[in-house]
Amino acid sequence: MSDSITKGRTRTRQKTARPRLYRVVLLNDDYTPREFVVLVLKAVFRLTEDEANARMMTAHQKGVSVIAVYTSEIAEAKATEAVDLARDAGFPLMFVVEPEE
């Protein structure tokens, strides 16, 4: 019988970091009709009528409203799509992307 002690190897596991998240923020303006803002929020961000109205009203009353939180690429794509829709319709509607804290 052997009195040898088996030592286990320590394994190092790399932990996959979650990607940083970014907020898509709607900025209020006095020119874009509310109905158009709701239309864009429903089309681009897949919000319900009630959610879109609530976020539009928050932006209207407070100046800004967080619409959604995504990874960087998705947030930029959604914001660009929404701004492009507004530009094509002749409205100055603006969305910005900022890091989630």
PDB file of N, CA and C in Angstrom:
ATOM      1  N   MET A   1       0.826  -1.162   0.000  1.00  0.00           N
ATOM      2  CA  MET A   1       0.000   0.000   0.000  1.00  0.00           C
ATOM      3  C   MET A   1       0.879   1.237   0.000  1.00  0.00           C
ATOM      4  N   SER A   2       0.502   2.185  -0.774  1.00  0.00           N
ATOM      5  CA  SER A   2       1.320   3.373  -0.927  1.00  0.00           C
ATOM      6  C   SER A   2       0.795   4.476  -0.031  1.00  0.00           C
ATOM      7  N   ASP A   3       1.699   5.193   0.588  1.00  0.00           N
ATOM      8  CA  ASP A   3       1.327   6.327   1.435  1.00  0.00           C
ATOM      9  C   ASP A   3       1.466   7.659   0.689  1.00  0.00           C
ATOM     10  N   SER A   4       1.411   7.598  -0.592  1.00  0.00           N
ATOM     11  CA  SER A   4       1.566   8.842  -1.339  1.00  0.00           C
ATOM     12  C   SER A   4       0.269   9.653  -1.283  1.00  0.00           C
ATOM     13  N   ILE A   5       0.445  10.944  -1.222  1.00  0.00           N
ATOM     14  CA  ILE A   5      -0.698  11.861  -1.171  1.00  0.00           C
ATOM     15  C   ILE A   5      -0.872  12.459  -2.556  1.00  0.00           C
ATOM     16  N   THR A   6      -2.065  12.348  -3.039  1.00  0.00           N
ATOM     17  CA  THR A   6      -2.349  12.899  -4.358  1.00  0.00           C
ATOM     18  C   THR A   6      -2.737  14.358  -4.207  1.00  0.00           C
ATOM     19  N   LYS A   7      -2.000  15.189  -4.874  1.00  0.00           N
ATOM     20  CA  LYS A   7      -2.305  16.615  -4.848  1.00  0.00           C
ATOM     21  C   LYS A   7      -3.117  16.956  -6.083  1.00  0.00           C
ATOM     22  N   GLY A   8      -4.198  17.644  -5.843  1.00  0.00           N
ATOM     23  CA  GLY A   8      -5.037  18.072  -6.966  1.00  0.00           C
ATOM     24  C   GLY A   8      -4.470  19.326  -7.602  1.00  0.00           C
ATOM     25  N   ARG A   9      -4.687  19.440  -8.849  1.00  0.00           N
ATOM     26  CA  ARG A   9      -4.242  20.636  -9.548  1.00  0.00           C
ATOM     27  C   ARG A   9      -5.294  21.723  -9.376  1.00  0.00           C
ATOM     28  N   THR A  10      -4.807  22.906  -9.214  1.00  0.00           N
ATOM     29  CA  THR A  10      -5.760  24.017  -9.151  1.00  0.00           C
ATOM     30  C   THR A  10      -5.980  24.504 -10.571  1.00  0.00           C
ATOM     31  N   ARG A  11      -7.225  24.633 -10.901  1.00  0.00           N
ATOM     32  CA  ARG A  11      -7.574  25.097 -12.237  1.00  0.00           C
ATOM     33  C   ARG A  11      -8.011  26.549 -12.132  1.00  0.00           C
ATOM     34  N   THR A  12      -7.540  27.309 -13.056  1.00  0.00           N
ATOM     35  CA  THR A  12      -8.004  28.691 -13.094  1.00  0.00           C
ATOM     36  C   THR A  12      -9.053  28.786 -14.191  1.00  0.00           C
ATOM     37  N   ARG A  13     -10.180  29.325 -13.814  1.00  0.00           N
ATOM     38  CA  ARG A  13     -11.255  29.491 -14.772  1.00  0.00           C
ATOM     39  C   ARG A  13     -11.410  30.976 -15.064  1.00  0.00           C
ATOM     40  N   GLN A  14     -11.453  31.284 -16.321  1.00  0.00           N
ATOM     41  CA  GLN A  14     -11.680  32.675 -16.678  1.00  0.00           C
ATOM     42  C   GLN A  14     -13.167  32.940 -16.608  1.00  0.00           C
ATOM     43  N   LYS A  15     -13.476  34.016 -15.940  1.00  0.00           N
ATOM     44  CA  LYS A  15     -14.871  34.391 -15.816  1.00  0.00           C
ATOM     45  C   LYS A  15     -15.198  35.344 -16.965  1.00  0.00           C
ATOM     46  N   THR A  16     -16.251  35.026 -17.671  1.00  0.00           N
ATOM     47  CA  THR A  16     -16.660  35.867 -18.777  1.00  0.00           C
ATOM     48  C   THR A  16     -17.376  37.091 -18.228  1.00  0.00           C
ATOM     49  N   ALA A  17     -16.860  38.239 -18.562  1.00  0.00           N
ATOM     50  CA  ALA A  17     -17.453  39.483 -18.070  1.00  0.00           C
ATOM     51  C   ALA A  17     -18.686  39.821 -18.909  1.00  0.00           C
ATOM     52  N   ARG A  18     -19.681  40.351 -18.249  1.00  0.00           N
ATOM     53  CA  ARG A  18     -20.869  40.786 -18.967  1.00  0.00           C
ATOM     54  C   ARG A  18     -20.534  42.049 -19.748  1.00  0.00           C
ATOM     55  N   PRO A  19     -21.120  42.181 -20.924  1.00  0.00           N
ATOM     56  CA  PRO A  19     -20.846  43.403 -21.695  1.00  0.00           C
ATOM     57  C   PRO A  19     -21.434  44.624 -20.995  1.00  0.00           C
ATOM     58  N   ARG A  20     -20.790  45.749 -21.173  1.00  0.00           N
ATOM     59  CA  ARG A  20     -21.283  46.992 -20.587  1.00  0.00           C
ATOM     60  C   ARG A  20     -22.598  47.375 -21.259  1.00  0.00           C
ATOM     61  N   LEU A  21     -23.521  47.910 -20.479  1.00  0.00           N
ATOM     62  CA  LEU A  21     -24.825  48.275 -21.009  1.00  0.00           C
ATOM     63  C   LEU A  21     -24.930  49.777 -21.224  1.00  0.00           C
ATOM     64  N   TYR A  22     -25.781  50.148 -22.180  1.00  0.00           N
ATOM     65  CA  TYR A  22     -25.960  51.548 -22.549  1.00  0.00           C
ATOM     66  C   TYR A  22     -27.442  51.877 -22.616  1.00  0.00           C
ATOM     67  N   ARG A  23     -27.768  53.088 -22.171  1.00  0.00           N
ATOM     68  CA  ARG A  23     -29.156  53.569 -22.209  1.00  0.00           C
ATOM     69  C   ARG A  23     -29.405  54.324 -23.497  1.00  0.00           C
ATOM     70  N   VAL A  24     -30.587  54.109 -24.050  1.00  0.00           N
ATOM     71  CA  VAL A  24     -31.054  54.935 -25.164  1.00  0.00           C
ATOM     72  C   VAL A  24     -32.000  55.949 -24.535  1.00  0.00           C
ATOM     73  N   VAL A  25     -31.667  57.230 -24.701  1.00  0.00           N
ATOM     74  CA  VAL A  25     -32.400  58.298 -24.036  1.00  0.00           C
ATOM     75  C   VAL A  25     -33.080  59.186 -25.079  1.00  0.00           C
ATOM     76  N   LEU A  26     -34.362  59.435 -24.865  1.00  0.00           N
ATOM     77  CA  LEU A  26     -35.138  60.334 -25.710  1.00  0.00           C
ATOM     78  C   LEU A  26     -35.022  61.747 -25.162  1.00  0.00           C
ATOM     79  N   LEU A  27     -34.674  62.697 -26.036  1.00  0.00           N
ATOM     80  CA  LEU A  27     -34.590  64.098 -25.640  1.00  0.00           C
ATOM     81  C   LEU A  27     -35.854  64.820 -26.110  1.00  0.00           C
ATOM     82  N   ASN A  28     -36.414  65.635 -25.269  1.00  0.00           N
ATOM     83  CA  ASN A  28     -37.623  66.364 -25.626  1.00  0.00           C
ATOM     84  C   ASN A  28     -37.306  67.462 -26.635  1.00  0.00           C
ATOM     85  N   ASP A  29     -38.235  67.675 -27.553  1.00  0.00           N
ATOM     86  CA  ASP A  29     -38.171  68.842 -28.417  1.00  0.00           C
ATOM     87  C   ASP A  29     -39.594  69.377 -28.567  1.00  0.00           C
ATOM     88  N   ASP A  30     -39.698  70.620 -28.975  1.00  0.00           N
ATOM     89  CA  ASP A  30     -41.018  71.265 -29.050  1.00  0.00           C
ATOM     90  C   ASP A  30     -41.635  71.203 -30.443  1.00  0.00           C
ATOM     91  N   TYR A  31     -41.055  70.433 -31.343  1.00  0.00           N
ATOM     92  CA  TYR A  31     -41.509  70.425 -32.729  1.00  0.00           C
ATOM     93  C   TYR A  31     -42.085  69.094 -33.199  1.00  0.00           C
ATOM     94  N   THR A  32     -41.581  67.991 -32.661  1.00  0.00           N
ATOM     95  CA  THR A  32     -42.043  66.676 -33.092  1.00  0.00           C
ATOM     96  C   THR A  32     -43.383  66.360 -32.440  1.00  0.00           C
ATOM     97  N   PRO A  33     -44.396  66.025 -33.242  1.00  0.00           N
ATOM     98  CA  PRO A  33     -45.701  65.701 -32.657  1.00  0.00           C
ATOM     99  C   PRO A  33     -45.638  64.471 -31.747  1.00  0.00           C
ATOM    100  N   ARG A  34     -46.386  64.509 -30.685  1.00  0.00           N
ATOM    101  CA  ARG A  34     -46.399  63.411 -29.716  1.00  0.00           C
ATOM    102  C   ARG A  34     -46.773  62.085 -30.374  1.00  0.00           C
ATOM    103  N   GLU A  35     -47.726  62.144 -31.295  1.00  0.00           N
ATOM    104  CA  GLU A  35     -48.174  60.923 -31.965  1.00  0.00           C
ATOM    105  C   GLU A  35     -47.034  60.275 -32.748  1.00  0.00           C
ATOM    106  N   PHE A  36     -46.187  61.116 -33.367  1.00  0.00           N
ATOM    107  CA  PHE A  36     -45.057  60.582 -34.117  1.00  0.00           C
ATOM    108  C   PHE A  36     -44.035  59.949 -33.180  1.00  0.00           C
ATOM    109  N   VAL A  37     -43.794  60.570 -32.041  1.00  0.00           N
ATOM    110  CA  VAL A  37     -42.852  60.018 -31.054  1.00  0.00           C
ATOM    111  C   VAL A  37     -43.336  58.641 -30.613  1.00  0.00           C
ATOM    112  N   VAL A  38     -44.609  58.526 -30.306  1.00  0.00           N
ATOM    113  CA  VAL A  38     -45.182  57.233 -29.881  1.00  0.00           C
ATOM    114  C   VAL A  38     -45.030  56.201 -31.003  1.00  0.00           C
ATOM    115  N   LEU A  39     -45.285  56.610 -32.230  1.00  0.00           N
ATOM    116  CA  LEU A  39     -45.142  55.719 -33.375  1.00  0.00           C
ATOM    117  C   LEU A  39     -43.711  55.172 -33.475  1.00  0.00           C
ATOM    118  N   VAL A  40     -42.722  56.053 -33.334  1.00  0.00           N
ATOM    119  CA  VAL A  40     -41.311  55.638 -33.404  1.00  0.00           C
ATOM    120  C   VAL A  40     -40.966  54.705 -32.247  1.00  0.00           C
ATOM    121  N   LEU A  41     -41.411  55.029 -31.049  1.00  0.00           N
ATOM    122  CA  LEU A  41     -41.106  54.183 -29.891  1.00  0.00           C
ATOM    123  C   LEU A  41     -41.698  52.785 -30.056  1.00  0.00           C
ATOM    124  N   LYS A  42     -42.883  52.704 -30.612  1.00  0.00           N
ATOM    125  CA  LYS A  42     -43.512  51.405 -30.835  1.00  0.00           C
ATOM    126  C   LYS A  42     -42.800  50.627 -31.944  1.00  0.00           C
ATOM    127  N   ALA A  43     -42.442  51.319 -33.027  1.00  0.00           N
ATOM    128  CA  ALA A  43     -41.834  50.654 -34.179  1.00  0.00           C
ATOM    129  C   ALA A  43     -40.395  50.205 -33.915  1.00  0.00           C
ATOM    130  N   VAL A  44     -39.590  51.079 -33.346  1.00  0.00           N
ATOM    131  CA  VAL A  44     -38.160  50.790 -33.184  1.00  0.00           C
ATOM    132  C   VAL A  44     -37.868  50.025 -31.893  1.00  0.00           C
ATOM    133  N   PHE A  45     -38.517  50.424 -30.813  1.00  0.00           N
ATOM    134  CA  PHE A  45     -38.193  49.840 -29.507  1.00  0.00           C
ATOM    135  C   PHE A  45     -39.205  48.799 -29.039  1.00  0.00           C
ATOM    136  N   ARG A  46     -40.213  48.539 -29.871  1.00  0.00           N
ATOM    137  CA  ARG A  46     -41.225  47.513 -29.588  1.00  0.00           C
ATOM    138  C   ARG A  46     -41.955  47.739 -28.271  1.00  0.00           C
ATOM    139  N   LEU A  47     -42.238  48.994 -27.975  1.00  0.00           N
ATOM    140  CA  LEU A  47     -42.995  49.322 -26.775  1.00  0.00           C
ATOM    141  C   LEU A  47     -44.489  49.215 -27.071  1.00  0.00           C
ATOM    142  N   THR A  48     -45.268  48.959 -26.026  1.00  0.00           N
ATOM    143  CA  THR A  48     -46.711  48.976 -26.192  1.00  0.00           C
ATOM    144  C   THR A  48     -47.170  50.433 -26.285  1.00  0.00           C
ATOM    145  N   GLU A  49     -48.403  50.620 -26.663  1.00  0.00           N
ATOM    146  CA  GLU A  49     -48.965  51.977 -26.747  1.00  0.00           C
ATOM    147  C   GLU A  49     -48.836  52.702 -25.411  1.00  0.00           C
ATOM    148  N   ASP A  50     -49.191  52.015 -24.311  1.00  0.00           N
ATOM    149  CA  ASP A  50     -49.132  52.631 -22.981  1.00  0.00           C
ATOM    150  C   ASP A  50     -47.703  52.951 -22.561  1.00  0.00           C
ATOM    151  N   GLU A  51     -46.762  52.019 -22.816  1.00  0.00           N
ATOM    152  CA  GLU A  51     -45.358  52.262 -22.471  1.00  0.00           C
ATOM    153  C   GLU A  51     -44.807  53.439 -23.277  1.00  0.00           C
ATOM    154  N   ALA A  52     -45.113  53.468 -24.555  1.00  0.00           N
ATOM    155  CA  ALA A  52     -44.622  54.545 -25.426  1.00  0.00           C
ATOM    156  C   ALA A  52     -45.174  55.893 -24.977  1.00  0.00           C
ATOM    157  N   ASN A  53     -46.460  55.938 -24.656  1.00  0.00           N
ATOM    158  CA  ASN A  53     -47.064  57.191 -24.174  1.00  0.00           C
ATOM    159  C   ASN A  53     -46.425  57.649 -22.863  1.00  0.00           C
ATOM    160  N   ALA A  54     -46.199  56.721 -21.951  1.00  0.00           N
ATOM    161  CA  ALA A  54     -45.615  57.071 -20.651  1.00  0.00           C
ATOM    162  C   ALA A  54     -44.201  57.627 -20.821  1.00  0.00           C
ATOM    163  N   ARG A  55     -43.377  57.001 -21.657  1.00  0.00           N
ATOM    164  CA  ARG A  55     -42.002  57.467 -21.845  1.00  0.00           C
ATOM    165  C   ARG A  55     -41.961  58.782 -22.599  1.00  0.00           C
ATOM    166  N   MET A  56     -42.876  58.949 -23.561  1.00  0.00           N
ATOM    167  CA  MET A  56     -42.954  60.214 -24.295  1.00  0.00           C
ATOM    168  C   MET A  56     -43.337  61.344 -23.341  1.00  0.00           C
ATOM    169  N   MET A  57     -44.291  61.100 -22.458  1.00  0.00           N
ATOM    170  CA  MET A  57     -44.727  62.121 -21.507  1.00  0.00           C
ATOM    171  C   MET A  57     -43.627  62.448 -20.494  1.00  0.00           C
ATOM    172  N   THR A  58     -42.855  61.450 -20.093  1.00  0.00           N
ATOM    173  CA  THR A  58     -41.718  61.700 -19.191  1.00  0.00           C
ATOM    174  C   THR A  58     -40.725  62.641 -19.859  1.00  0.00           C
ATOM    175  N   ALA A  59     -40.407  62.376 -21.123  1.00  0.00           N
ATOM    176  CA  ALA A  59     -39.483  63.255 -21.855  1.00  0.00           C
ATOM    177  C   ALA A  59     -40.085  64.647 -22.000  1.00  0.00           C
ATOM    178  N   HIS A  60     -41.370  64.721 -22.249  1.00  0.00           N
ATOM    179  CA  HIS A  60     -42.042  66.002 -22.422  1.00  0.00           C
ATOM    180  C   HIS A  60     -42.006  66.825 -21.130  1.00  0.00           C
ATOM    181  N   GLN A  61     -42.210  66.165 -20.005  1.00  0.00           N
ATOM    182  CA  GLN A  61     -42.285  66.869 -18.721  1.00  0.00           C
ATOM    183  C   GLN A  61     -40.920  67.106 -18.084  1.00  0.00           C
ATOM    184  N   LYS A  62     -40.002  66.159 -18.232  1.00  0.00           N
ATOM    185  CA  LYS A  62     -38.700  66.262 -17.552  1.00  0.00           C
ATOM    186  C   LYS A  62     -37.545  66.592 -18.485  1.00  0.00           C
ATOM    187  N   GLY A  63     -37.796  66.571 -19.780  1.00  0.00           N
ATOM    188  CA  GLY A  63     -36.740  66.896 -20.734  1.00  0.00           C
ATOM    189  C   GLY A  63     -36.039  65.690 -21.327  1.00  0.00           C
ATOM    190  N   VAL A  64     -36.001  64.591 -20.588  1.00  0.00           N
ATOM    191  CA  VAL A  64     -35.372  63.354 -21.063  1.00  0.00           C
ATOM    192  C   VAL A  64     -36.153  62.156 -20.532  1.00  0.00           C
ATOM    193  N   SER A  65     -35.991  61.030 -21.217  1.00  0.00           N
ATOM    194  CA  SER A  65     -36.611  59.791 -20.763  1.00  0.00           C
ATOM    195  C   SER A  65     -35.773  58.616 -21.241  1.00  0.00           C
ATOM    196  N   VAL A  66     -35.441  57.701 -20.322  1.00  0.00           N
ATOM    197  CA  VAL A  66     -34.722  56.484 -20.702  1.00  0.00           C
ATOM    198  C   VAL A  66     -35.722  55.561 -21.386  1.00  0.00           C
ATOM    199  N   ILE A  67     -35.410  55.176 -22.603  1.00  0.00           N
ATOM    200  CA  ILE A  67     -36.310  54.346 -23.385  1.00  0.00           C
ATOM    201  C   ILE A  67     -36.007  52.871 -23.188  1.00  0.00           C
ATOM    202  N   ALA A  68     -34.736  52.499 -23.251  1.00  0.00           N
ATOM    203  CA  ALA A  68     -34.356  51.096 -23.116  1.00  0.00           C
ATOM    204  C   ALA A  68     -32.864  51.008 -22.802  1.00  0.00           C
ATOM    205  N   VAL A  69     -32.433  49.818 -22.386  1.00  0.00           N
ATOM    206  CA  VAL A  69     -31.027  49.562 -22.078  1.00  0.00           C
ATOM    207  C   VAL A  69     -30.580  48.342 -22.883  1.00  0.00           C
ATOM    208  N   TYR A  70     -29.481  48.505 -23.617  1.00  0.00           N
ATOM    209  CA  TYR A  70     -28.962  47.448 -24.488  1.00  0.00           C
ATOM    210  C   TYR A  70     -27.437  47.422 -24.404  1.00  0.00           C
ATOM    211  N   THR A  71     -26.848  46.449 -25.114  1.00  0.00           N
ATOM    212  CA  THR A  71     -25.403  46.482 -25.316  1.00  0.00           C
ATOM    213  C   THR A  71     -25.101  47.636 -26.269  1.00  0.00           C
ATOM    214  N   SER A  72     -23.861  48.013 -26.363  1.00  0.00           N
ATOM    215  CA  SER A  72     -23.456  49.188 -27.138  1.00  0.00           C
ATOM    216  C   SER A  72     -23.933  49.152 -28.589  1.00  0.00           C
ATOM    217  N   GLU A  73     -23.685  48.043 -29.273  1.00  0.00           N
ATOM    218  CA  GLU A  73     -24.018  47.963 -30.690  1.00  0.00           C
ATOM    219  C   GLU A  73     -25.521  48.084 -30.923  1.00  0.00           C
ATOM    220  N   ILE A  74     -26.300  47.410 -30.100  1.00  0.00           N
ATOM    221  CA  ILE A  74     -27.753  47.444 -30.266  1.00  0.00           C
ATOM    222  C   ILE A  74     -28.296  48.825 -29.928  1.00  0.00           C
ATOM    223  N   ALA A  75     -27.794  49.422 -28.852  1.00  0.00           N
ATOM    224  CA  ALA A  75     -28.248  50.763 -28.455  1.00  0.00           C
ATOM    225  C   ALA A  75     -27.967  51.768 -29.566  1.00  0.00           C
ATOM    226  N   GLU A  76     -26.773  51.729 -30.128  1.00  0.00           N
ATOM    227  CA  GLU A  76     -26.420  52.658 -31.210  1.00  0.00           C
ATOM    228  C   GLU A  76     -27.296  52.428 -32.440  1.00  0.00           C
ATOM    229  N   ALA A  77     -27.533  51.175 -32.777  1.00  0.00           N
ATOM    230  CA  ALA A  77     -28.346  50.859 -33.957  1.00  0.00           C
ATOM    231  C   ALA A  77     -29.784  51.338 -33.776  1.00  0.00           C
ATOM    232  N   LYS A  78     -30.361  51.101 -32.605  1.00  0.00           N
ATOM    233  CA  LYS A  78     -31.741  51.513 -32.343  1.00  0.00           C
ATOM    234  C   LYS A  78     -31.864  53.040 -32.348  1.00  0.00           C
ATOM    235  N   ALA A  79     -30.929  53.718 -31.698  1.00  0.00           N
ATOM    236  CA  ALA A  79     -30.966  55.182 -31.658  1.00  0.00           C
ATOM    237  C   ALA A  79     -30.834  55.761 -33.068  1.00  0.00           C
ATOM    238  N   THR A  80     -29.928  55.213 -33.856  1.00  0.00           N
ATOM    239  CA  THR A  80     -29.736  55.684 -35.228  1.00  0.00           C
ATOM    240  C   THR A  80     -30.982  55.437 -36.071  1.00  0.00           C
ATOM    241  N   GLU A  81     -31.581  54.267 -35.928  1.00  0.00           N
ATOM    242  CA  GLU A  81     -32.799  53.950 -36.680  1.00  0.00           C
ATOM    243  C   GLU A  81     -33.920  54.935 -36.334  1.00  0.00           C
ATOM    244  N   ALA A  82     -34.081  55.222 -35.045  1.00  0.00           N
ATOM    245  CA  ALA A  82     -35.139  56.137 -34.608  1.00  0.00           C
ATOM    246  C   ALA A  82     -34.897  57.558 -35.123  1.00  0.00           C
ATOM    247  N   VAL A  83     -33.663  58.031 -35.040  1.00  0.00           N
ATOM    248  CA  VAL A  83     -33.328  59.377 -35.518  1.00  0.00           C
ATOM    249  C   VAL A  83     -33.512  59.454 -37.037  1.00  0.00           C
ATOM    250  N   ASP A  84     -33.118  58.407 -37.745  1.00  0.00           N
ATOM    251  CA  ASP A  84     -33.281  58.388 -39.206  1.00  0.00           C
ATOM    252  C   ASP A  84     -34.756  58.445 -39.605  1.00  0.00           C
ATOM    253  N   LEU A  85     -35.607  57.714 -38.879  1.00  0.00           N
ATOM    254  CA  LEU A  85     -37.052  57.774 -39.153  1.00  0.00           C
ATOM    255  C   LEU A  85     -37.573  59.198 -38.989  1.00  0.00           C
ATOM    256  N   ALA A  86     -37.131  59.851 -37.925  1.00  0.00           N
ATOM    257  CA  ALA A  86     -37.569  61.217 -37.669  1.00  0.00           C
ATOM    258  C   ALA A  86     -37.063  62.173 -38.752  1.00  0.00           C
ATOM    259  N   ARG A  87     -35.807  62.041 -39.123  1.00  0.00           N
ATOM    260  CA  ARG A  87     -35.231  62.915 -40.155  1.00  0.00           C
ATOM    261  C   ARG A  87     -35.975  62.738 -41.478  1.00  0.00           C
ATOM    262  N   ASP A  88     -36.261  61.479 -41.819  1.00  0.00           N
ATOM    263  CA  ASP A  88     -36.973  61.203 -43.075  1.00  0.00           C
ATOM    264  C   ASP A  88     -38.361  61.841 -43.069  1.00  0.00           C
ATOM    265  N   ALA A  89     -38.964  61.965 -41.881  1.00  0.00           N
ATOM    266  CA  ALA A  89     -40.294  62.573 -41.765  1.00  0.00           C
ATOM    267  C   ALA A  89     -40.207  64.088 -41.550  1.00  0.00           C
ATOM    268  N   GLY A  90     -38.987  64.608 -41.440  1.00  0.00           N
ATOM    269  CA  GLY A  90     -38.797  66.046 -41.290  1.00  0.00           C
ATOM    270  C   GLY A  90     -38.890  66.561 -39.865  1.00  0.00           C
ATOM    271  N   PHE A  91     -38.655  65.684 -38.886  1.00  0.00           N
ATOM    272  CA  PHE A  91     -38.729  66.091 -37.477  1.00  0.00           C
ATOM    273  C   PHE A  91     -37.349  66.048 -36.823  1.00  0.00           C
ATOM    274  N   PRO A  92     -37.124  66.922 -35.831  1.00  0.00           N
ATOM    275  CA  PRO A  92     -35.818  66.965 -35.157  1.00  0.00           C
ATOM    276  C   PRO A  92     -35.715  66.026 -33.948  1.00  0.00           C
ATOM    277  N   LEU A  93     -36.525  64.990 -33.897  1.00  0.00           N
ATOM    278  CA  LEU A  93     -36.511  64.052 -32.768  1.00  0.00           C
ATOM    279  C   LEU A  93     -35.102  63.516 -32.552  1.00  0.00           C
ATOM    280  N   MET A  94     -34.672  63.476 -31.285  1.00  0.00           N
ATOM    281  CA  MET A  94     -33.293  63.095 -30.991  1.00  0.00           C
ATOM    282  C   MET A  94     -33.223  62.043 -29.892  1.00  0.00           C
ATOM    283  N   PHE A  95     -32.400  61.036 -30.129  1.00  0.00           N
ATOM    284  CA  PHE A  95     -32.077  60.009 -29.146  1.00  0.00           C
ATOM    285  C   PHE A  95     -30.584  60.022 -28.952  1.00  0.00           C
ATOM    286  N   VAL A  96     -30.124  59.818 -27.732  1.00  0.00           N
ATOM    287  CA  VAL A  96     -28.699  59.700 -27.456  1.00  0.00           C
ATOM    288  C   VAL A  96     -28.448  58.390 -26.714  1.00  0.00           C
ATOM    289  N   VAL A  97     -27.216  57.928 -26.803  1.00  0.00           N
ATOM    290  CA  VAL A  97     -26.806  56.695 -26.137  1.00  0.00           C
ATOM    291  C   VAL A  97     -25.773  57.081 -25.091  1.00  0.00           C
ATOM    292  N   GLU A  98     -25.973  56.591 -23.867  1.00  0.00           N
ATOM    293  CA  GLU A  98     -25.022  56.882 -22.790  1.00  0.00           C
ATOM    294  C   GLU A  98     -24.810  55.640 -21.945  1.00  0.00           C
ATOM    295  N   PRO A  99     -23.621  55.508 -21.331  1.00  0.00           N
ATOM    296  CA  PRO A  99     -23.329  54.314 -20.529  1.00  0.00           C
ATOM    297  C   PRO A  99     -24.249  54.199 -19.321  1.00  0.00           C
ATOM    298  N   GLU A 100     -24.635  52.978 -19.027  1.00  0.00           N
ATOM    299  CA  GLU A 100     -25.428  52.679 -17.838  1.00  0.00           C
ATOM    300  C   GLU A 100     -24.482  52.735 -16.640  1.00  0.00           C
ATOM    301  N   GLU A 101     -24.912  53.303 -15.563  1.00  0.00           N
ATOM    302  CA  GLU A 101     -24.036  53.429 -14.384  1.00  0.00           C
ATOM    303  C   GLU A 101     -24.287  52.358 -13.373  1.00  0.00           C
TER     304      GLU A 101
END
